[in-house]
Structure formats: C-alpha cells, structure tokens
Amino acid sequence: MLETLKELTGFQEAHTFGSIPGAYDTYINAANGDELVKRLMTELEPIGIGHG
C-alpha cells in the first residue's frame, strides 16, 4: 500500500504513524483517538496544512 501511495503522489519518502513502539517513525497511543489527529496537525502545520 505504501508503495502504491508513493507512486500515486510522486512522493518518495514517507513518515509512518503507528501504535507499536519502535515499528513506526512516530508512536501514537492507540487508546487515544484524538492523539493521532492532534499529532498530524502539529506535523503538517509547518507546510500549511495544520492548524488554521
């Protein structure tokens, strides 16, 4: 799936989020659904996609 997304978007690098410590670029606590949304907004803010 990741390779397909890279091909479709033209991006060659990816940053992964997941709930298994050490298996992803960024660990997200799966018990807290809001944590992923907040983290994505924080990560994407510098490129103009995050907060307001």
PDB file of N, CA and C in Angstrom:
ATOM      1  N   MET A   1       0.812  -1.193   0.000  1.00  0.00           N
ATOM      2  CA  MET A   1       0.000   0.000   0.000  1.00  0.00           C
ATOM      3  C   MET A   1       0.857   1.260   0.000  1.00  0.00           C
ATOM      4  N   LEU A   2       1.902   1.250   0.808  1.00  0.00           N
ATOM      5  CA  LEU A   2       2.776   2.416   0.879  1.00  0.00           C
ATOM      6  C   LEU A   2       3.435   2.692  -0.463  1.00  0.00           C
ATOM      7  N   GLU A   3       3.870   1.657  -1.134  1.00  0.00           N
ATOM      8  CA  GLU A   3       4.498   1.833  -2.455  1.00  0.00           C
ATOM      9  C   GLU A   3       3.494   2.393  -3.460  1.00  0.00           C
ATOM     10  N   THR A   4       2.260   1.956  -3.382  1.00  0.00           N
ATOM     11  CA  THR A   4       1.226   2.468  -4.277  1.00  0.00           C
ATOM     12  C   THR A   4       0.984   3.949  -4.023  1.00  0.00           C
ATOM     13  N   LEU A   5       0.913   4.346  -2.763  1.00  0.00           N
ATOM     14  CA  LEU A   5       0.731   5.758  -2.436  1.00  0.00           C
ATOM     15  C   LEU A   5       1.897   6.604  -2.925  1.00  0.00           C
ATOM     16  N   LYS A   6       3.107   6.105  -2.782  1.00  0.00           N
ATOM     17  CA  LYS A   6       4.276   6.834  -3.283  1.00  0.00           C
ATOM     18  C   LYS A   6       4.170   7.034  -4.787  1.00  0.00           C
ATOM     19  N   GLU A   7       3.741   6.004  -5.475  1.00  0.00           N
ATOM     20  CA  GLU A   7       3.617   6.079  -6.935  1.00  0.00           C
ATOM     21  C   GLU A   7       2.528   7.068  -7.338  1.00  0.00           C
ATOM     22  N   LEU A   8       1.401   7.018  -6.666  1.00  0.00           N
ATOM     23  CA  LEU A   8       0.280   7.899  -6.996  1.00  0.00           C
ATOM     24  C   LEU A   8       0.555   9.361  -6.680  1.00  0.00           C
ATOM     25  N   THR A   9       1.280   9.627  -5.600  1.00  0.00           N
ATOM     26  CA  THR A   9       1.527  11.002  -5.179  1.00  0.00           C
ATOM     27  C   THR A   9       2.821  11.588  -5.716  1.00  0.00           C
ATOM     28  N   GLY A  10       3.736  10.732  -6.138  1.00  0.00           N
ATOM     29  CA  GLY A  10       5.031  11.219  -6.588  1.00  0.00           C
ATOM     30  C   GLY A  10       6.024  11.419  -5.457  1.00  0.00           C
ATOM     31  N   PHE A  11       5.602  11.193  -4.218  1.00  0.00           N
ATOM     32  CA  PHE A  11       6.499  11.310  -3.074  1.00  0.00           C
ATOM     33  C   PHE A  11       7.355  10.061  -2.965  1.00  0.00           C
ATOM     34  N   GLN A  12       8.611  10.215  -2.604  1.00  0.00           N
ATOM     35  CA  GLN A  12       9.497   9.076  -2.478  1.00  0.00           C
ATOM     36  C   GLN A  12       9.796   8.729  -1.015  1.00  0.00           C
ATOM     37  N   GLU A  13       9.466   9.635  -0.113  1.00  0.00           N
ATOM     38  CA  GLU A  13       9.695   9.383   1.307  1.00  0.00           C
ATOM     39  C   GLU A  13       8.356   9.380   2.026  1.00  0.00           C
ATOM     40  N   ALA A  14       8.282   8.640   3.091  1.00  0.00           N
ATOM     41  CA  ALA A  14       7.049   8.579   3.879  1.00  0.00           C
ATOM     42  C   ALA A  14       7.392   8.644   5.363  1.00  0.00           C
ATOM     43  N   HIS A  15       6.469   9.160   6.119  1.00  0.00           N
ATOM     44  CA  HIS A  15       6.589   9.209   7.579  1.00  0.00           C
ATOM     45  C   HIS A  15       5.426   8.399   8.116  1.00  0.00           C
ATOM     46  N   THR A  16       5.718   7.354   8.875  1.00  0.00           N
ATOM     47  CA  THR A  16       4.661   6.470   9.343  1.00  0.00           C
ATOM     48  C   THR A  16       4.284   6.747  10.799  1.00  0.00           C
ATOM     49  N   PHE A  17       3.015   6.530  11.117  1.00  0.00           N
ATOM     50  CA  PHE A  17       2.473   6.669  12.459  1.00  0.00           C
ATOM     51  C   PHE A  17       1.875   5.320  12.843  1.00  0.00           C
ATOM     52  N   GLY A  18       2.104   4.867  14.065  1.00  0.00           N
ATOM     53  CA  GLY A  18       1.529   3.598  14.480  1.00  0.00           C
ATOM     54  C   GLY A  18       1.579   3.411  15.983  1.00  0.00           C
ATOM     55  N   SER A  19       0.934   2.349  16.429  1.00  0.00           N
ATOM     56  CA  SER A  19       0.794   2.125  17.863  1.00  0.00           C
ATOM     57  C   SER A  19       1.739   1.062  18.416  1.00  0.00           C
ATOM     58  N   ILE A  20       2.727   0.645  17.633  1.00  0.00           N
ATOM     59  CA  ILE A  20       3.718  -0.318  18.106  1.00  0.00           C
ATOM     60  C   ILE A  20       5.044   0.425  18.281  1.00  0.00           C
ATOM     61  N   PRO A  21       5.491   0.603  19.519  1.00  0.00           N
ATOM     62  CA  PRO A  21       6.736   1.339  19.764  1.00  0.00           C
ATOM     63  C   PRO A  21       7.907   0.745  18.973  1.00  0.00           C
ATOM     64  N   GLY A  22       8.620   1.619  18.276  1.00  0.00           N
ATOM     65  CA  GLY A  22       9.793   1.198  17.527  1.00  0.00           C
ATOM     66  C   GLY A  22       9.512   0.693  16.123  1.00  0.00           C
ATOM     67  N   ALA A  23       8.253   0.462  15.790  1.00  0.00           N
ATOM     68  CA  ALA A  23       7.915  -0.059  14.466  1.00  0.00           C
ATOM     69  C   ALA A  23       7.576   1.049  13.465  1.00  0.00           C
ATOM     70  N   TYR A  24       7.358   2.260  13.948  1.00  0.00           N
ATOM     71  CA  TYR A  24       6.952   3.370  13.096  1.00  0.00           C
ATOM     72  C   TYR A  24       7.830   4.588  13.377  1.00  0.00           C
ATOM     73  N   ASP A  25       7.787   5.559  12.486  1.00  0.00           N
ATOM     74  CA  ASP A  25       8.556   6.785  12.701  1.00  0.00           C
ATOM     75  C   ASP A  25       8.041   7.526  13.937  1.00  0.00           C
ATOM     76  N   THR A  26       6.731   7.556  14.107  1.00  0.00           N
ATOM     77  CA  THR A  26       6.119   8.245  15.232  1.00  0.00           C
ATOM     78  C   THR A  26       5.158   7.308  15.940  1.00  0.00           C
ATOM     79  N   TYR A  27       5.353   7.139  17.250  1.00  0.00           N
ATOM     80  CA  TYR A  27       4.463   6.300  18.053  1.00  0.00           C
ATOM     81  C   TYR A  27       3.219   7.098  18.426  1.00  0.00           C
ATOM     82  N   ILE A  28       2.051   6.494  18.244  1.00  0.00           N
ATOM     83  CA  ILE A  28       0.784   7.092  18.632  1.00  0.00           C
ATOM     84  C   ILE A  28       0.068   6.121  19.555  1.00  0.00           C
ATOM     85  N   ASN A  29      -0.399   6.599  20.690  1.00  0.00           N
ATOM     86  CA  ASN A  29      -1.144   5.778  21.633  1.00  0.00           C
ATOM     87  C   ASN A  29      -2.505   5.444  21.021  1.00  0.00           C
ATOM     88  N   ALA A  30      -2.744   4.183  20.672  1.00  0.00           N
ATOM     89  CA  ALA A  30      -3.969   3.766  20.010  1.00  0.00           C
ATOM     90  C   ALA A  30      -5.202   3.937  20.889  1.00  0.00           C
ATOM     91  N   ALA A  31      -5.032   4.001  22.190  1.00  0.00           N
ATOM     92  CA  ALA A  31      -6.169   4.151  23.095  1.00  0.00           C
ATOM     93  C   ALA A  31      -6.760   5.561  23.041  1.00  0.00           C
ATOM     94  N   ASN A  32      -6.007   6.513  22.510  1.00  0.00           N
ATOM     95  CA  ASN A  32      -6.455   7.901  22.453  1.00  0.00           C
ATOM     96  C   ASN A  32      -6.586   8.327  20.998  1.00  0.00           C
ATOM     97  N   GLY A  33      -7.774   8.220  20.428  1.00  0.00           N
ATOM     98  CA  GLY A  33      -8.005   8.555  19.021  1.00  0.00           C
ATOM     99  C   GLY A  33      -7.674   9.989  18.672  1.00  0.00           C
ATOM    100  N   ASP A  34      -7.865  10.907  19.603  1.00  0.00           N
ATOM    101  CA  ASP A  34      -7.573  12.313  19.332  1.00  0.00           C
ATOM    102  C   ASP A  34      -6.076  12.569  19.179  1.00  0.00           C
ATOM    103  N   GLU A  35      -5.263  11.712  19.753  1.00  0.00           N
ATOM    104  CA  GLU A  35      -3.816  11.924  19.708  1.00  0.00           C
ATOM    105  C   GLU A  35      -3.305  11.930  18.275  1.00  0.00           C
ATOM    106  N   LEU A  36      -3.798  11.024  17.437  1.00  0.00           N
ATOM    107  CA  LEU A  36      -3.345  10.977  16.047  1.00  0.00           C
ATOM    108  C   LEU A  36      -3.711  12.257  15.313  1.00  0.00           C
ATOM    109  N   VAL A  37      -4.926  12.714  15.472  1.00  0.00           N
ATOM    110  CA  VAL A  37      -5.368  13.939  14.796  1.00  0.00           C
ATOM    111  C   VAL A  37      -4.528  15.126  15.239  1.00  0.00           C
ATOM    112  N   LYS A  38      -4.333  15.262  16.549  1.00  0.00           N
ATOM    113  CA  LYS A  38      -3.530  16.376  17.064  1.00  0.00           C
ATOM    114  C   LYS A  38      -2.096  16.308  16.563  1.00  0.00           C
ATOM    115  N   ARG A  39      -1.533  15.109  16.524  1.00  0.00           N
ATOM    116  CA  ARG A  39      -0.143  14.953  16.083  1.00  0.00           C
ATOM    117  C   ARG A  39       0.001  15.272  14.598  1.00  0.00           C
ATOM    118  N   LEU A  40      -0.962  14.827  13.785  1.00  0.00           N
ATOM    119  CA  LEU A  40      -0.922  15.133  12.357  1.00  0.00           C
ATOM    120  C   LEU A  40      -1.010  16.635  12.118  1.00  0.00           C
ATOM    121  N   MET A  41      -1.879  17.299  12.841  1.00  0.00           N
ATOM    122  CA  MET A  41      -1.998  18.748  12.677  1.00  0.00           C
ATOM    123  C   MET A  41      -0.699  19.446  13.046  1.00  0.00           C
ATOM    124  N   THR A  42      -0.060  19.000  14.112  1.00  0.00           N
ATOM    125  CA  THR A  42       1.212  19.579  14.538  1.00  0.00           C
ATOM    126  C   THR A  42       2.303  19.316  13.505  1.00  0.00           C
ATOM    127  N   GLU A  43       2.356  18.096  12.971  1.00  0.00           N
ATOM    128  CA  GLU A  43       3.372  17.735  11.999  1.00  0.00           C
ATOM    129  C   GLU A  43       3.195  18.475  10.679  1.00  0.00           C
ATOM    130  N   LEU A  44       1.932  18.721  10.295  1.00  0.00           N
ATOM    131  CA  LEU A  44       1.665  19.318   8.990  1.00  0.00           C
ATOM    132  C   LEU A  44       1.596  20.838   9.020  1.00  0.00           C
ATOM    133  N   GLU A  45       1.514  21.426  10.191  1.00  0.00           N
ATOM    134  CA  GLU A  45       1.416  22.884  10.318  1.00  0.00           C
ATOM    135  C   GLU A  45       2.547  23.642   9.609  1.00  0.00           C
ATOM    136  N   PRO A  46       3.808  23.186   9.715  1.00  0.00           N
ATOM    137  CA  PRO A  46       4.893  23.933   9.054  1.00  0.00           C
ATOM    138  C   PRO A  46       4.755  24.018   7.535  1.00  0.00           C
ATOM    139  N   ILE A  47       3.993  23.130   6.928  1.00  0.00           N
ATOM    140  CA  ILE A  47       3.837  23.203   5.467  1.00  0.00           C
ATOM    141  C   ILE A  47       2.468  23.736   5.073  1.00  0.00           C
ATOM    142  N   GLY A  48       1.750  24.317   6.042  1.00  0.00           N
ATOM    143  CA  GLY A  48       0.497  24.990   5.755  1.00  0.00           C
ATOM    144  C   GLY A  48      -0.731  24.115   5.716  1.00  0.00           C
ATOM    145  N   ILE A  49      -0.691  22.930   6.274  1.00  0.00           N
ATOM    146  CA  ILE A  49      -1.858  22.051   6.236  1.00  0.00           C
ATOM    147  C   ILE A  49      -2.465  21.867   7.615  1.00  0.00           C
ATOM    148  N   GLY A  50      -1.775  22.252   8.652  1.00  0.00           N
ATOM    149  CA  GLY A  50      -2.252  22.003  10.020  1.00  0.00           C
ATOM    150  C   GLY A  50      -3.243  23.036  10.508  1.00  0.00           C
ATOM    151  N   HIS A  51      -3.054  23.500  11.722  1.00  0.00           N
ATOM    152  CA  HIS A  51      -3.955  24.449  12.374  1.00  0.00           C
ATOM    153  C   HIS A  51      -4.204  25.683  11.515  1.00  0.00           C
ATOM    154  N   GLY A  52      -5.461  26.141  11.565  1.00  0.00           N
ATOM    155  CA  GLY A  52      -5.991  27.333  10.949  1.00  0.00           C
ATOM    156  C   GLY A  52      -5.153  28.072  10.062  1.00  0.00           C
TER     157      GLY A  52
END
